[in-house]
Amino acid sequence: MTTTPHHAHRGASHRYRALRDFVRSTDDALPGKLEIAKGGIVHDLLSPNGRHELTASLLRKRLERVMPEEVVAHTGTPDVEDEYEGIMRRPDVMVITLADMEVPAGFDPRTLIAAIEVVSRSHPDNDRVGKMGDYPLMGVPVYAIFDPRTGSGAVLSDIHSTPDGPRYAVREDFVYGEDVTIGGWTISTSGLPRYQDDGAERDES
C-alpha cells in the first residue's frame, strides 16, 4: 500500500482551492458551465438547451412523487465537491435528504443518494466518460445517465476498488419508455424528450 505524503496533498489541496476560486469567480461571467474534474477544469461552452432542462425537470418531478418527504431531487447549486480528490461537480439532479443539504458550502458527495446527469449535446464525454470516473472516486453511490441523443441511459452502482481506482461494478442499461430504478425508487422514462425531436408531443407527467 502506498500513501501520499502530507505535503504533497497540501499542495494538491492548494491547487484545488485556487481552481475552485477561479471557477466560482467566473461562473456567471462565462457561457456554459464550469466544473473541476480530476484532470482539471472542464468547460461546457454551451448553456443547456430546453430539452436538456426539460428532462432534468421531469426527472425531478417524477422522483419526488415516489420519494419520502425528507428526500428531494434537487437541481441547481451548490456544487458537490471533494477537496481531497480535487473535484467539484454540479449534477443536473441530486437525490439527497433535506438534512444533508444543511451545509455552509458545497454538498458532501458521500451524502448524495444518487447523482443524475442529462448528457450534454455539446460535450457528451463529460457525462459519459469524465463523470463516470469522478463520481465513484468521490464516493457518489449511484450515478444515473440519461442521453437524449440516443433515447437511452444507464444506472451505475456498487463502487468497488480496481487497479485504476474506485469504479462502479454494476451497470443497468435502459431505453426510453422503460421503467428505471434510481436509489431504490422506480420512475417511468416514457415521454422524455429527444434532442432530434422537433416539437413532437411529449408526456410531461
Protein backbone atom coordinates (compact mmCIF):
# COMPACT_ATOMS: atom_id res chain seq x y z
CA MET A 1 0.00 0.00 0.00
CA THR A 2 1.31 3.45 -0.88
CA THR A 3 0.44 6.69 0.85
CA THR A 4 0.55 10.26 -0.36
CA PRO A 5 2.97 12.45 1.60
CA HIS A 6 1.17 15.10 3.64
CA HIS A 7 2.99 17.96 1.94
CA ALA A 8 2.01 16.59 -1.48
CA HIS A 9 -1.65 16.54 -0.54
CA ARG A 10 -1.35 20.04 0.91
CA GLY A 11 -0.04 21.24 -2.44
CA ALA A 12 -2.83 19.48 -4.31
CA SER A 13 -5.40 21.00 -1.94
CA HIS A 14 -3.96 24.47 -2.51
CA ARG A 15 -4.18 23.95 -6.29
CA TYR A 16 -7.78 22.77 -6.00
CA ARG A 17 -8.81 25.79 -3.91
CA ALA A 18 -7.22 28.09 -6.50
CA LEU A 19 -9.16 26.36 -9.29
CA ARG A 20 -12.36 26.47 -7.24
CA ASP A 21 -11.97 30.19 -6.57
CA PHE A 22 -11.41 30.80 -10.29
CA VAL A 23 -14.46 28.75 -11.29
CA ARG A 24 -16.72 30.48 -8.77
CA SER A 25 -15.48 33.94 -9.72
CA THR A 26 -16.12 33.40 -13.44
CA ASP A 27 -19.15 31.07 -13.35
CA ASP A 28 -21.67 33.83 -14.06
CA ALA A 29 -19.41 35.69 -16.49
CA LEU A 30 -18.78 32.85 -18.96
CA PRO A 31 -21.29 30.96 -21.11
CA GLY A 32 -21.99 27.33 -20.31
CA LYS A 33 -20.91 25.50 -17.18
CA LEU A 34 -17.54 25.20 -15.43
CA GLU A 35 -16.61 22.20 -13.29
CA ILE A 36 -13.40 20.81 -11.83
CA ALA A 37 -12.71 17.24 -12.91
CA LYS A 38 -9.90 15.06 -11.64
CA GLY A 39 -7.84 16.21 -14.62
CA GLY A 40 -8.58 19.93 -14.31
CA ILE A 41 -11.24 22.45 -15.33
CA VAL A 42 -13.97 21.30 -17.71
CA HIS A 43 -15.87 23.99 -19.60
CA ASP A 44 -19.05 23.05 -21.45
CA LEU A 45 -19.24 26.08 -23.72
CA LEU A 46 -22.95 25.93 -24.49
CA SER A 47 -25.66 26.55 -21.95
CA PRO A 48 -28.08 23.62 -21.55
CA ASN A 49 -30.91 23.75 -24.10
CA GLY A 50 -34.62 23.46 -23.44
CA ARG A 51 -34.83 19.69 -23.90
CA HIS A 52 -31.91 19.16 -21.53
CA GLU A 53 -33.58 21.29 -18.86
CA LEU A 54 -37.00 19.73 -19.51
CA THR A 55 -35.53 16.26 -18.99
CA ALA A 56 -33.99 17.29 -15.65
CA SER A 57 -37.27 18.87 -14.55
CA LEU A 58 -39.35 15.82 -15.48
CA LEU A 59 -36.96 13.50 -13.65
CA ARG A 60 -37.10 15.71 -10.56
CA LYS A 61 -40.91 15.76 -10.58
CA ARG A 62 -41.25 12.02 -11.14
CA LEU A 63 -38.76 11.14 -8.42
CA GLU A 64 -40.30 13.47 -5.84
CA ARG A 65 -43.70 11.85 -6.41
CA VAL A 66 -42.38 8.49 -5.18
CA MET A 67 -39.78 9.53 -2.62
CA PRO A 68 -40.49 10.30 1.06
CA GLU A 69 -40.82 13.97 2.02
CA GLU A 70 -37.41 14.09 3.67
CA VAL A 71 -35.68 13.24 0.37
CA VAL A 72 -35.56 15.65 -2.58
CA ALA A 73 -34.41 15.62 -6.17
CA HIS A 74 -32.50 18.90 -6.15
CA THR A 75 -31.48 20.85 -9.24
CA GLY A 76 -29.08 23.79 -9.12
CA THR A 77 -26.46 24.90 -6.65
CA PRO A 78 -24.39 24.38 -4.57
CA ASP A 79 -21.82 22.13 -6.19
CA VAL A 80 -20.79 18.69 -4.98
CA GLU A 81 -17.16 18.86 -4.01
CA ASP A 82 -14.38 16.64 -2.69
CA GLU A 83 -11.41 18.81 -1.81
CA TYR A 84 -9.22 15.82 -1.02
CA GLU A 85 -9.66 14.42 -4.54
CA GLY A 86 -9.68 17.91 -6.06
CA ILE A 87 -13.07 17.51 -7.78
CA MET A 88 -16.07 19.84 -7.94
CA ARG A 89 -19.08 18.76 -9.99
CA ARG A 90 -22.63 20.05 -10.42
CA PRO A 91 -25.02 17.18 -11.24
CA ASP A 92 -28.17 18.06 -13.15
CA VAL A 93 -30.21 16.37 -10.40
CA MET A 94 -29.04 15.40 -6.91
CA VAL A 95 -31.04 12.96 -4.81
CA ILE A 96 -30.30 13.98 -1.23
CA THR A 97 -32.02 14.30 2.14
CA LEU A 98 -33.10 17.71 3.36
CA ALA A 99 -30.92 17.25 6.44
CA ASP A 100 -27.80 16.71 4.30
CA MET A 101 -28.50 19.96 2.43
CA GLU A 102 -27.93 21.95 5.62
CA VAL A 103 -24.29 22.72 4.88
CA PRO A 104 -22.48 26.08 4.57
CA ALA A 105 -20.84 25.38 1.21
CA GLY A 106 -20.72 22.52 -1.29
CA PHE A 107 -22.51 19.22 -0.71
CA ASP A 108 -20.51 16.26 0.56
CA PRO A 109 -20.67 13.73 -2.32
CA ARG A 110 -20.91 10.85 0.14
CA THR A 111 -24.22 12.19 1.44
CA LEU A 112 -25.82 12.01 -2.01
CA ILE A 113 -28.17 9.10 -2.58
CA ALA A 114 -27.69 9.49 -6.33
CA ALA A 115 -26.34 11.88 -8.96
CA ILE A 116 -28.23 12.19 -12.24
CA GLU A 117 -26.85 13.67 -15.44
CA VAL A 118 -28.62 14.50 -18.68
CA VAL A 119 -25.98 14.09 -21.37
CA SER A 120 -24.91 17.39 -22.87
CA ARG A 121 -25.41 17.74 -26.59
CA SER A 122 -22.23 19.80 -26.93
CA HIS A 123 -19.91 17.90 -24.57
CA PRO A 124 -21.23 14.33 -24.09
CA ASP A 125 -17.92 12.82 -22.96
CA ASN A 126 -18.01 14.96 -19.81
CA ASP A 127 -21.07 12.97 -18.63
CA ARG A 128 -20.40 9.59 -20.24
CA VAL A 129 -16.67 9.35 -19.52
CA GLY A 130 -15.38 12.03 -17.14
CA LYS A 131 -18.10 11.82 -14.51
CA MET A 132 -18.23 8.05 -14.77
CA GLY A 133 -14.72 8.10 -13.35
CA ASP A 134 -15.05 11.06 -10.99
CA TYR A 135 -18.28 10.10 -9.21
CA PRO A 136 -17.11 6.74 -7.81
CA LEU A 137 -13.83 8.40 -6.82
CA MET A 138 -15.85 10.97 -4.85
CA GLY A 139 -17.99 8.25 -3.27
CA VAL A 140 -21.31 9.03 -5.00
CA PRO A 141 -23.11 5.67 -4.55
CA VAL A 142 -25.39 5.77 -7.62
CA TYR A 143 -24.88 7.54 -10.94
CA ALA A 144 -27.73 7.67 -13.46
CA ILE A 145 -27.18 8.88 -17.03
CA PHE A 146 -29.98 9.95 -19.39
CA ASP A 147 -28.95 10.51 -23.01
CA PRO A 148 -31.46 12.47 -25.13
CA ARG A 149 -29.25 11.89 -28.19
CA THR A 150 -29.96 8.16 -28.21
CA GLY A 151 -33.07 7.82 -26.03
CA SER A 152 -31.21 5.53 -23.65
CA GLY A 153 -29.29 5.59 -20.41
CA ALA A 154 -27.72 3.62 -17.59
CA VAL A 155 -27.74 3.41 -13.81
CA LEU A 156 -24.36 2.63 -12.24
CA SER A 157 -23.86 1.49 -8.66
CA ASP A 158 -21.82 -0.69 -6.27
CA ILE A 159 -18.48 1.12 -6.03
CA HIS A 160 -15.54 -1.25 -5.81
CA SER A 161 -11.76 -0.98 -5.95
CA THR A 162 -9.85 -1.61 -9.17
CA PRO A 163 -6.17 -1.11 -10.14
CA ASP A 164 -7.29 2.19 -11.74
CA GLY A 165 -9.15 3.36 -8.64
CA PRO A 166 -12.78 3.11 -7.49
CA ARG A 167 -15.26 2.18 -10.22
CA TYR A 168 -18.91 1.20 -10.45
CA ALA A 169 -19.30 -2.59 -10.58
CA VAL A 170 -22.97 -2.72 -11.64
CA ARG A 171 -24.43 -1.13 -14.75
CA GLU A 172 -28.11 -1.40 -15.70
CA ASP A 173 -28.88 -0.08 -19.16
CA PHE A 174 -32.32 1.11 -20.25
CA VAL A 175 -34.07 2.69 -23.20
CA TYR A 176 -36.62 5.46 -23.00
CA GLY A 177 -40.06 4.03 -22.36
CA GLU A 178 -38.85 1.53 -19.75
CA ASP A 179 -39.10 2.00 -16.00
CA VAL A 180 -35.84 2.75 -14.23
CA THR A 181 -34.86 2.42 -10.57
CA ILE A 182 -32.60 5.06 -9.03
CA GLY A 183 -31.58 4.75 -5.40
CA GLY A 184 -34.48 2.43 -4.62
CA TRP A 185 -37.24 4.47 -6.34
CA THR A 186 -38.72 3.49 -9.69
CA ILE A 187 -39.94 6.01 -12.25
CA SER A 188 -41.09 5.92 -15.86
CA THR A 189 -38.85 7.20 -18.66
CA SER A 190 -41.75 7.43 -21.09
CA GLY A 191 -42.20 10.77 -22.85
CA LEU A 192 -38.73 12.12 -22.10
CA PRO A 193 -37.63 14.48 -24.90
CA ARG A 194 -35.01 13.64 -27.50
CA TYR A 195 -32.61 16.18 -28.98
CA GLN A 196 -33.67 15.33 -32.54
CA ASP A 197 -37.36 15.87 -31.79
CA ASP A 198 -38.89 18.94 -33.43
CA GLY A 199 -41.92 19.87 -31.45
CA ALA A 200 -43.37 16.36 -31.12
CA GLU A 201 -45.91 15.93 -28.35
CA ARG A 202 -44.50 14.71 -25.07
CA ASP A 203 -45.97 13.29 -21.91
CA GLU A 204 -44.85 15.73 -19.23
CA SER A 205 -46.37 13.81 -16.35
